[in-house]
PDB file of N, CA and C in Angstrom:
ATOM      1  N   MET A   1      30.912 138.397 117.296  1.00  0.00           N
ATOM      2  CA  MET A   1      31.613 138.478 118.573  1.00  0.00           C
ATOM      3  C   MET A   1      31.786 139.945 118.951  1.00  0.00           C
ATOM      4  N   ASP A   2      31.550 140.228 120.208  1.00  0.00           N
ATOM      5  CA  ASP A   2      31.690 141.573 120.752  1.00  0.00           C
ATOM      6  C   ASP A   2      33.083 141.706 121.365  1.00  0.00           C
ATOM      7  N   PHE A   3      33.830 142.741 121.008  1.00  0.00           N
ATOM      8  CA  PHE A   3      35.168 142.943 121.551  1.00  0.00           C
ATOM      9  C   PHE A   3      35.146 143.956 122.688  1.00  0.00           C
ATOM     10  N   THR A   4      34.262 143.728 123.658  1.00  0.00           N
ATOM     11  CA  THR A   4      34.190 144.548 124.867  1.00  0.00           C
ATOM     12  C   THR A   4      34.470 143.640 126.057  1.00  0.00           C
ATOM     13  N   PHE A   5      34.556 144.215 127.225  1.00  0.00           N
ATOM     14  CA  PHE A   5      34.815 143.404 128.414  1.00  0.00           C
ATOM     15  C   PHE A   5      33.625 142.546 128.815  1.00  0.00           C
ATOM     16  N   ALA A   6      32.511 142.682 128.108  1.00  0.00           N
ATOM     17  CA  ALA A   6      31.392 141.767 128.326  1.00  0.00           C
ATOM     18  C   ALA A   6      31.740 140.374 127.803  1.00  0.00           C
ATOM     19  N   GLU A   7      32.696 140.302 126.894  1.00  0.00           N
ATOM     20  CA  GLU A   7      33.118 139.038 126.279  1.00  0.00           C
ATOM     21  C   GLU A   7      34.246 138.413 127.108  1.00  0.00           C
ATOM     22  N   ALA A   8      34.067 137.146 127.494  1.00  0.00           N
ATOM     23  CA  ALA A   8      35.060 136.462 128.331  1.00  0.00           C
ATOM     24  C   ALA A   8      36.438 136.429 127.671  1.00  0.00           C
ATOM     25  N   SER A   9      36.495 136.244 126.363  1.00  0.00           N
ATOM     26  CA  SER A   9      37.796 136.169 125.686  1.00  0.00           C
ATOM     27  C   SER A   9      38.542 137.503 125.751  1.00  0.00           C
ATOM     28  N   VAL A  10      37.812 138.607 125.737  1.00  0.00           N
ATOM     29  CA  VAL A  10      38.445 139.926 125.850  1.00  0.00           C
ATOM     30  C   VAL A  10      38.997 140.113 127.261  1.00  0.00           C
ATOM     31  N   ARG A  11      38.258 139.695 128.269  1.00  0.00           N
ATOM     32  CA  ARG A  11      38.744 139.787 129.655  1.00  0.00           C
ATOM     33  C   ARG A  11      39.987 138.916 129.847  1.00  0.00           C
ATOM     34  N   LYS A  12      39.974 137.725 129.245  1.00  0.00           N
ATOM     35  CA  LYS A  12      41.125 136.824 129.355  1.00  0.00           C
ATOM     36  C   LYS A  12      42.352 137.447 128.689  1.00  0.00           C
ATOM     37  N   THR A  13      42.187 137.995 127.497  1.00  0.00           N
ATOM     38  CA  THR A  13      43.308 138.635 126.801  1.00  0.00           C
ATOM     39  C   THR A  13      43.847 139.804 127.609  1.00  0.00           C
ATOM     40  N   ALA A  14      42.970 140.608 128.191  1.00  0.00           N
ATOM     41  CA  ALA A  14      43.401 141.742 129.017  1.00  0.00           C
ATOM     42  C   ALA A  14      44.220 141.258 130.208  1.00  0.00           C
ATOM     43  N   ARG A  15      43.788 140.174 130.840  1.00  0.00           N
ATOM     44  CA  ARG A  15      44.534 139.625 131.981  1.00  0.00           C
ATOM     45  C   ARG A  15      45.906 139.124 131.531  1.00  0.00           C
ATOM     46  N   LEU A  16      45.943 138.425 130.391  1.00  0.00           N
ATOM     47  CA  LEU A  16      47.215 137.911 129.885  1.00  0.00           C
ATOM     48  C   LEU A  16      48.182 139.046 129.555  1.00  0.00           C
ATOM     49  N   VAL A  17      47.685 140.093 128.923  1.00  0.00           N
ATOM     50  CA  VAL A  17      48.532 141.235 128.578  1.00  0.00           C
ATOM     51  C   VAL A  17      49.007 141.946 129.845  1.00  0.00           C
ATOM     52  N   HIS A  18      48.137 142.058 130.846  1.00  0.00           N
ATOM     53  CA  HIS A  18      48.531 142.658 132.126  1.00  0.00           C
ATOM     54  C   HIS A  18      49.655 141.838 132.761  1.00  0.00           C
ATOM     55  N   ASP A  19      49.482 140.507 132.805  1.00  0.00           N
ATOM     56  CA  ASP A  19      50.503 139.640 133.391  1.00  0.00           C
ATOM     57  C   ASP A  19      51.814 139.737 132.610  1.00  0.00           C
ATOM     58  N   LEU A  20      51.714 139.771 131.284  1.00  0.00           N
ATOM     59  CA  LEU A  20      52.906 139.912 130.446  1.00  0.00           C
ATOM     60  C   LEU A  20      53.615 141.227 130.747  1.00  0.00           C
ATOM     61  N   SER A  21      52.869 142.313 130.845  1.00  0.00           N
ATOM     62  CA  SER A  21      53.451 143.625 131.141  1.00  0.00           C
ATOM     63  C   SER A  21      54.180 143.603 132.477  1.00  0.00           C
ATOM     64  N   ARG A  22      53.566 143.003 133.481  1.00  0.00           N
ATOM     65  CA  ARG A  22      54.196 142.891 134.808  1.00  0.00           C
ATOM     66  C   ARG A  22      55.518 142.138 134.695  1.00  0.00           C
ATOM     67  N   ASP A  23      55.508 141.018 133.964  1.00  0.00           N
ATOM     68  CA  ASP A  23      56.717 140.204 133.847  1.00  0.00           C
ATOM     69  C   ASP A  23      57.809 140.916 133.050  1.00  0.00           C
ATOM     70  N   LEU A  24      57.442 141.622 131.986  1.00  0.00           N
ATOM     71  CA  LEU A  24      58.436 142.356 131.201  1.00  0.00           C
ATOM     72  C   LEU A  24      59.062 143.483 132.020  1.00  0.00           C
ATOM     73  N   LYS A  25      58.272 144.144 132.858  1.00  0.00           N
ATOM     74  CA  LYS A  25      58.816 145.191 133.734  1.00  0.00           C
ATOM     75  C   LYS A  25      59.816 144.595 134.718  1.00  0.00           C
ATOM     76  N   LEU A  26      59.504 143.419 135.257  1.00  0.00           N
ATOM     77  CA  LEU A  26      60.428 142.744 136.164  1.00  0.00           C
ATOM     78  C   LEU A  26      61.714 142.373 135.429  1.00  0.00           C
ATOM     79  N   LEU A  27      61.583 141.823 134.219  1.00  0.00           N
ATOM     80  CA  LEU A  27      62.770 141.461 133.443  1.00  0.00           C
ATOM     81  C   LEU A  27      63.629 142.686 133.145  1.00  0.00           C
ATOM     82  N   GLN A  28      62.986 143.797 132.852  1.00  0.00           N
ATOM     83  CA  GLN A  28      63.722 145.027 132.569  1.00  0.00           C
ATOM     84  C   GLN A  28      64.459 145.527 133.807  1.00  0.00           C
ATOM     85  N   SER A  29      63.848 145.400 134.964  1.00  0.00           N
ATOM     86  CA  SER A  29      64.457 145.956 136.170  1.00  0.00           C
ATOM     87  C   SER A  29      65.496 145.036 136.805  1.00  0.00           C
ATOM     88  N   VAL A  30      65.252 143.724 136.829  1.00  0.00           N
ATOM     89  CA  VAL A  30      66.199 142.830 137.506  1.00  0.00           C
ATOM     90  C   VAL A  30      66.880 141.838 136.572  1.00  0.00           C
ATOM     91  N   GLY A  31      66.389 141.707 135.334  1.00  0.00           N
ATOM     92  CA  GLY A  31      67.076 140.880 134.347  1.00  0.00           C
ATOM     93  C   GLY A  31      66.741 139.406 134.346  1.00  0.00           C
ATOM     94  N   HIS A  32      65.852 138.974 135.233  1.00  0.00           N
ATOM     95  CA  HIS A  32      65.474 137.557 135.269  1.00  0.00           C
ATOM     96  C   HIS A  32      64.096 137.413 135.903  1.00  0.00           C
ATOM     97  N   PRO A  33      63.430 136.290 135.624  1.00  0.00           N
ATOM     98  CA  PRO A  33      62.111 136.064 136.219  1.00  0.00           C
ATOM     99  C   PRO A  33      62.213 135.761 137.712  1.00  0.00           C
ATOM    100  N   ALA A  34      61.088 135.878 138.390  1.00  0.00           N
ATOM    101  CA  ALA A  34      61.015 135.480 139.795  1.00  0.00           C
ATOM    102  C   ALA A  34      61.224 133.966 139.888  1.00  0.00           C
ATOM    103  N   VAL A  35      61.876 133.524 140.937  1.00  0.00           N
ATOM    104  CA  VAL A  35      62.147 132.101 141.140  1.00  0.00           C
ATOM    105  C   VAL A  35      60.853 131.291 141.082  1.00  0.00           C
ATOM    106  N   GLU A  36      59.794 131.798 141.715  1.00  0.00           N
ATOM    107  CA  GLU A  36      58.516 131.084 141.738  1.00  0.00           C
ATOM    108  C   GLU A  36      57.976 130.859 140.325  1.00  0.00           C
ATOM    109  N   SER A  37      58.152 131.842 139.454  1.00  0.00           N
ATOM    110  CA  SER A  37      57.676 131.716 138.074  1.00  0.00           C
ATOM    111  C   SER A  37      58.404 130.597 137.349  1.00  0.00           C
ATOM    112  N   MET A  38      59.695 130.453 137.593  1.00  0.00           N
ATOM    113  CA  MET A  38      60.466 129.427 136.898  1.00  0.00           C
ATOM    114  C   MET A  38      60.203 128.038 137.472  1.00  0.00           C
ATOM    115  N   ILE A  39      59.917 127.945 138.759  1.00  0.00           N
ATOM    116  CA  ILE A  39      59.589 126.646 139.357  1.00  0.00           C
ATOM    117  C   ILE A  39      58.316 126.097 138.739  1.00  0.00           C
ATOM    118  N   GLU A  40      57.343 126.979 138.485  1.00  0.00           N
ATOM    119  CA  GLU A  40      56.052 126.573 137.929  1.00  0.00           C
ATOM    120  C   GLU A  40      56.062 126.469 136.407  1.00  0.00           C
ATOM    121  N   ALA A  41      57.118 126.944 135.746  1.00  0.00           N
ATOM    122  CA  ALA A  41      57.144 127.013 134.280  1.00  0.00           C
ATOM    123  C   ALA A  41      57.309 125.632 133.659  1.00  0.00           C
ATOM    124  N   PRO A  42      56.503 125.320 132.623  1.00  0.00           N
ATOM    125  CA  PRO A  42      56.699 124.066 131.902  1.00  0.00           C
ATOM    126  C   PRO A  42      58.049 124.076 131.186  1.00  0.00           C
ATOM    127  N   LEU A  43      58.579 122.897 130.907  1.00  0.00           N
ATOM    128  CA  LEU A  43      59.852 122.723 130.208  1.00  0.00           C
ATOM    129  C   LEU A  43      59.574 122.386 128.751  1.00  0.00           C
ATOM    130  N   VAL A  44      60.256 123.036 127.809  1.00  0.00           N
ATOM    131  CA  VAL A  44      60.155 122.710 126.383  1.00  0.00           C
ATOM    132  C   VAL A  44      61.471 122.075 125.963  1.00  0.00           C
ATOM    133  N   GLU A  45      61.430 120.821 125.543  1.00  0.00           N
ATOM    134  CA  GLU A  45      62.603 120.108 125.054  1.00  0.00           C
ATOM    135  C   GLU A  45      62.593 120.115 123.530  1.00  0.00           C
ATOM    136  N   ASP A  46      63.738 119.863 122.924  1.00  0.00           N
ATOM    137  CA  ASP A  46      63.875 119.753 121.466  1.00  0.00           C
ATOM    138  C   ASP A  46      63.222 120.927 120.755  1.00  0.00           C
ATOM    139  N   TRP A  47      63.422 122.143 121.272  1.00  0.00           N
ATOM    140  CA  TRP A  47      62.705 123.309 120.765  1.00  0.00           C
ATOM    141  C   TRP A  47      63.459 123.980 119.625  1.00  0.00           C
ATOM    142  N   VAL A  48      62.686 124.603 118.775  1.00  0.00           N
ATOM    143  CA  VAL A  48      63.190 125.476 117.718  1.00  0.00           C
ATOM    144  C   VAL A  48      62.342 126.735 117.751  1.00  0.00           C
ATOM    145  N   LEU A  49      62.868 127.813 117.214  1.00  0.00           N
ATOM    146  CA  LEU A  49      62.086 129.033 117.101  1.00  0.00           C
ATOM    147  C   LEU A  49      61.255 128.919 115.836  1.00  0.00           C
ATOM    148  N   GLY A  50      59.946 128.874 115.998  1.00  0.00           N
ATOM    149  CA  GLY A  50      59.039 128.759 114.866  1.00  0.00           C
ATOM    150  C   GLY A  50      58.216 130.026 114.748  1.00  0.00           C
ATOM    151  N   TYR A  51      57.404 130.096 113.751  1.00  0.00           N
ATOM    152  CA  TYR A  51      56.564 131.283 113.555  1.00  0.00           C
ATOM    153  C   TYR A  51      55.134 130.890 113.290  1.00  0.00           C
ATOM    154  N   ARG A  52      54.232 131.587 113.909  1.00  0.00           N
ATOM    155  CA  ARG A  52      52.814 131.551 113.608  1.00  0.00           C
ATOM    156  C   ARG A  52      52.619 132.845 112.838  1.00  0.00           C
ATOM    157  N   LEU A  53      51.813 133.733 113.289  1.00  0.00           N
ATOM    158  CA  LEU A  53      51.841 135.093 112.769  1.00  0.00           C
ATOM    159  C   LEU A  53      52.823 135.900 113.597  1.00  0.00           C
ATOM    160  N   GLU A  54      53.448 135.204 114.523  1.00  0.00           N
ATOM    161  CA  GLU A  54      54.409 135.790 115.445  1.00  0.00           C
ATOM    162  C   GLU A  54      55.392 134.697 115.828  1.00  0.00           C
ATOM    163  N   PRO A  55      56.544 135.042 116.370  1.00  0.00           N
ATOM    164  CA  PRO A  55      57.479 134.012 116.818  1.00  0.00           C
ATOM    165  C   PRO A  55      56.841 133.150 117.909  1.00  0.00           C
ATOM    166  N   ALA A  56      57.132 131.857 117.881  1.00  0.00           N
ATOM    167  CA  ALA A  56      56.605 130.911 118.869  1.00  0.00           C
ATOM    168  C   ALA A  56      57.624 129.798 119.060  1.00  0.00           C
ATOM    169  N   LEU A  57      57.528 129.091 120.169  1.00  0.00           N
ATOM    170  CA  LEU A  57      58.347 127.903 120.381  1.00  0.00           C
ATOM    171  C   LEU A  57      57.593 126.692 119.869  1.00  0.00           C
ATOM    172  N   ILE A  58      58.307 125.814 119.207  1.00  0.00           N
ATOM    173  CA  ILE A  58      57.761 124.532 118.770  1.00  0.00           C
ATOM    174  C   ILE A  58      58.655 123.481 119.403  1.00  0.00           C
ATOM    175  N   GLY A  59      58.069 122.568 120.150  1.00  0.00           N
ATOM    176  CA  GLY A  59      58.883 121.562 120.810  1.00  0.00           C
ATOM    177  C   GLY A  59      58.023 120.572 121.559  1.00  0.00           C
ATOM    178  N   THR A  60      58.625 119.924 122.530  1.00  0.00           N
ATOM    179  CA  THR A  60      57.944 118.946 123.365  1.00  0.00           C
ATOM    180  C   THR A  60      57.832 119.533 124.763  1.00  0.00           C
ATOM    181  N   VAL A  61      56.601 119.708 125.234  1.00  0.00           N
ATOM    182  CA  VAL A  61      56.389 120.349 126.528  1.00  0.00           C
ATOM    183  C   VAL A  61      56.222 119.298 127.621  1.00  0.00           C
ATOM    184  N   VAL A  62      56.726 119.625 128.803  1.00  0.00           N
ATOM    185  CA  VAL A  62      56.597 118.775 129.984  1.00  0.00           C
ATOM    186  C   VAL A  62      56.132 119.662 131.133  1.00  0.00           C
ATOM    187  N   GLY A  63      55.040 119.290 131.772  1.00  0.00           N
ATOM    188  CA  GLY A  63      54.587 120.007 132.958  1.00  0.00           C
ATOM    189  C   GLY A  63      53.725 121.224 132.695  1.00  0.00           C
ATOM    190  N   HIS A  64      53.095 121.282 131.542  1.00  0.00           N
ATOM    191  CA  HIS A  64      52.203 122.413 131.239  1.00  0.00           C
ATOM    192  C   HIS A  64      50.940 122.271 132.084  1.00  0.00           C
ATOM    193  N   PRO A  65      50.432 123.382 132.650  1.00  0.00           N
ATOM    194  CA  PRO A  65      49.259 123.273 133.520  1.00  0.00           C
ATOM    195  C   PRO A  65      47.955 122.940 132.790  1.00  0.00           C
ATOM    196  N   LEU A  66      47.896 123.154 131.481  1.00  0.00           N
ATOM    197  CA  LEU A  66      46.653 122.911 130.743  1.00  0.00           C
ATOM    198  C   LEU A  66      46.763 121.830 129.676  1.00  0.00           C
ATOM    199  N   LEU A  67      47.975 121.517 129.229  1.00  0.00           N
ATOM    200  CA  LEU A  67      48.174 120.575 128.131  1.00  0.00           C
ATOM    201  C   LEU A  67      48.904 119.333 128.610  1.00  0.00           C
ATOM    202  N   ALA A  68      48.594 118.210 127.979  1.00  0.00           N
ATOM    203  CA  ALA A  68      49.319 116.978 128.275  1.00  0.00           C
ATOM    204  C   ALA A  68      50.756 117.116 127.771  1.00  0.00           C
ATOM    205  N   ASP A  69      51.673 116.387 128.404  1.00  0.00           N
ATOM    206  CA  ASP A  69      53.054 116.369 127.932  1.00  0.00           C
ATOM    207  C   ASP A  69      53.077 115.893 126.489  1.00  0.00           C
ATOM    208  N   GLY A  70      53.849 116.563 125.651  1.00  0.00           N
ATOM    209  CA  GLY A  70      53.950 116.171 124.251  1.00  0.00           C
ATOM    210  C   GLY A  70      54.213 117.363 123.354  1.00  0.00           C
ATOM    211  N   PRO A  71      54.001 117.179 122.040  1.00  0.00           N
ATOM    212  CA  PRO A  71      54.283 118.241 121.073  1.00  0.00           C
ATOM    213  C   PRO A  71      53.441 119.487 121.341  1.00  0.00           C
ATOM    214  N   VAL A  72      54.058 120.653 121.125  1.00  0.00           N
ATOM    215  CA  VAL A  72      53.363 121.913 121.377  1.00  0.00           C
ATOM    216  C   VAL A  72      53.907 123.005 120.462  1.00  0.00           C
ATOM    217  N   THR A  73      53.045 123.933 120.119  1.00  0.00           N
ATOM    218  CA  THR A  73      53.436 125.232 119.567  1.00  0.00           C
ATOM    219  C   THR A  73      52.887 126.249 120.548  1.00  0.00           C
ATOM    220  N   THR A  74      53.764 127.050 121.114  1.00  0.00           N
ATOM    221  CA  THR A  74      53.344 127.988 122.154  1.00  0.00           C
ATOM    222  C   THR A  74      52.605 129.178 121.567  1.00  0.00           C
ATOM    223  N   SER A  75      52.052 129.971 122.443  1.00  0.00           N
ATOM    224  CA  SER A  75      51.551 131.284 122.028  1.00  0.00           C
ATOM    225  C   SER A  75      52.767 132.148 121.683  1.00  0.00           C
ATOM    226  N   GLY A  76      52.533 133.332 121.188  1.00  0.00           N
ATOM    227  CA  GLY A  76      53.610 134.199 120.725  1.00  0.00           C
ATOM    228  C   GLY A  76      54.632 134.534 121.794  1.00  0.00           C
ATOM    229  N   ILE A  77      55.893 134.572 121.384  1.00  0.00           N
ATOM    230  CA  ILE A  77      56.986 134.921 122.296  1.00  0.00           C
ATOM    231  C   ILE A  77      57.107 136.437 122.380  1.00  0.00           C
ATOM    232  N   PHE A  78      57.194 136.930 123.607  1.00  0.00           N
ATOM    233  CA  PHE A  78      57.408 138.349 123.831  1.00  0.00           C
ATOM    234  C   PHE A  78      58.799 138.630 124.383  1.00  0.00           C
ATOM    235  N   TYR A  79      59.449 137.615 124.931  1.00  0.00           N
ATOM    236  CA  TYR A  79      60.797 137.771 125.471  1.00  0.00           C
ATOM    237  C   TYR A  79      61.421 136.394 125.505  1.00  0.00           C
ATOM    238  N   MET A  80      62.698 136.293 125.097  1.00  0.00           N
ATOM    239  CA  MET A  80      63.377 135.002 125.142  1.00  0.00           C
ATOM    240  C   MET A  80      64.860 135.237 125.361  1.00  0.00           C
ATOM    241  N   ASP A  81      65.423 134.509 126.321  1.00  0.00           N
ATOM    242  CA  ASP A  81      66.849 134.573 126.597  1.00  0.00           C
ATOM    243  C   ASP A  81      67.362 133.139 126.680  1.00  0.00           C
ATOM    244  N   PRO A  82      67.749 132.543 125.533  1.00  0.00           N
ATOM    245  CA  PRO A  82      68.202 131.151 125.546  1.00  0.00           C
ATOM    246  C   PRO A  82      69.387 130.912 126.474  1.00  0.00           C
ATOM    247  N   SER A  83      70.299 131.872 126.583  1.00  0.00           N
ATOM    248  CA  SER A  83      71.457 131.664 127.457  1.00  0.00           C
ATOM    249  C   SER A  83      71.050 131.593 128.926  1.00  0.00           C
ATOM    250  N   ALA A  84      69.955 132.259 129.285  1.00  0.00           N
ATOM    251  CA  ALA A  84      69.437 132.188 130.654  1.00  0.00           C
ATOM    252  C   ALA A  84      68.430 131.050 130.812  1.00  0.00           C
ATOM    253  N   GLY A  85      68.004 130.449 129.689  1.00  0.00           N
ATOM    254  CA  GLY A  85      67.153 129.267 129.756  1.00  0.00           C
ATOM    255  C   GLY A  85      65.671 129.511 129.924  1.00  0.00           C
ATOM    256  N   PHE A  86      65.162 130.656 129.433  1.00  0.00           N
ATOM    257  CA  PHE A  86      63.724 130.874 129.565  1.00  0.00           C
ATOM    258  C   PHE A  86      63.175 131.715 128.430  1.00  0.00           C
ATOM    259  N   ALA A  87      61.853 131.612 128.258  1.00  0.00           N
ATOM    260  CA  ALA A  87      61.107 132.443 127.311  1.00  0.00           C
ATOM    261  C   ALA A  87      59.808 132.860 127.986  1.00  0.00           C
ATOM    262  N   ARG A  88      59.290 134.031 127.599  1.00  0.00           N
ATOM    263  CA  ARG A  88      57.975 134.490 128.100  1.00  0.00           C
ATOM    264  C   ARG A  88      57.067 134.665 126.897  1.00  0.00           C
ATOM    265  N   THR A  89      56.017 133.878 126.850  1.00  0.00           N
ATOM    266  CA  THR A  89      55.020 133.995 125.797  1.00  0.00           C
ATOM    267  C   THR A  89      53.876 134.853 126.314  1.00  0.00           C
ATOM    268  N   LEU A  90      52.884 135.038 125.487  1.00  0.00           N
ATOM    269  CA  LEU A  90      51.720 135.805 125.928  1.00  0.00           C
ATOM    270  C   LEU A  90      51.129 135.219 127.198  1.00  0.00           C
ATOM    271  N   SER A  91      51.102 133.892 127.297  1.00  0.00           N
ATOM    272  CA  SER A  91      50.376 133.270 128.404  1.00  0.00           C
ATOM    273  C   SER A  91      51.220 132.852 129.602  1.00  0.00           C
ATOM    274  N   ARG A  92      52.529 132.609 129.433  1.00  0.00           N
ATOM    275  CA  ARG A  92      53.299 132.093 130.570  1.00  0.00           C
ATOM    276  C   ARG A  92      54.791 132.079 130.261  1.00  0.00           C
ATOM    277  N   TYR A  93      55.581 131.793 131.303  1.00  0.00           N
ATOM    278  CA  TYR A  93      57.005 131.504 131.141  1.00  0.00           C
ATOM    279  C   TYR A  93      57.168 130.062 130.694  1.00  0.00           C
ATOM    280  N   TYR A  94      58.244 129.799 129.972  1.00  0.00           N
ATOM    281  CA  TYR A  94      58.689 128.444 129.662  1.00  0.00           C
ATOM    282  C   TYR A  94      60.169 128.364 129.991  1.00  0.00           C
ATOM    283  N   ARG A  95      60.570 127.255 130.601  1.00  0.00           N
ATOM    284  CA  ARG A  95      61.989 126.967 130.778  1.00  0.00           C
ATOM    285  C   ARG A  95      62.463 126.322 129.480  1.00  0.00           C
ATOM    286  N   LEU A  96      63.644 126.669 129.042  1.00  0.00           N
ATOM    287  CA  LEU A  96      64.172 126.100 127.808  1.00  0.00           C
ATOM    288  C   LEU A  96      65.144 124.982 128.136  1.00  0.00           C
ATOM    289  N   GLY A  97      64.828 123.789 127.672  1.00  0.00           N
ATOM    290  CA  GLY A  97      65.735 122.656 127.800  1.00  0.00           C
ATOM    291  C   GLY A  97      66.704 122.669 126.629  1.00  0.00           C
ATOM    292  N   ARG A  98      67.075 121.491 126.175  1.00  0.00           N
ATOM    293  CA  ARG A  98      68.022 121.426 125.060  1.00  0.00           C
ATOM    294  C   ARG A  98      67.369 121.935 123.775  1.00  0.00           C
ATOM    295  N   ARG A  99      68.164 122.611 122.990  1.00  0.00           N
ATOM    296  CA  ARG A  99      67.691 123.139 121.705  1.00  0.00           C
ATOM    297  C   ARG A  99      67.849 122.052 120.650  1.00  0.00           C
ATOM    298  N   LYS A 100      66.881 121.923 119.776  1.00  0.00           N
ATOM    299  CA  LYS A 100      66.942 120.923 118.713  1.00  0.00           C
ATOM    300  C   LYS A 100      68.055 121.291 117.746  1.00  0.00           C
ATOM    301  N   SER A 101      68.838 120.285 117.368  1.00  0.00           N
ATOM    302  CA  SER A 101      69.954 120.567 116.448  1.00  0.00           C
ATOM    303  C   SER A 101      69.538 120.484 115.001  1.00  0.00           C
TER     304      SER A 101
END
């Protein structure tokens, strides 16, 4: 595998990191995501903080644009504010529903 922009996976990762950077800058400046981002964000129910090689959410997802509703382990978490009800992973925002006890 070639790790240059000739490789589709490298271009995808660059786009995801760019989007993540944009969202983290917004969170730093205003303290919360844009309303539009949260309207489109899938909901994770019965979630716990799990680990891959990085922190991730493990739970039941509802409304994900690429995955069927059901069990999920998200991509790595880059920002999470449970009291505000959201997390930002490498690929997208997630709304946090009830936390698993």
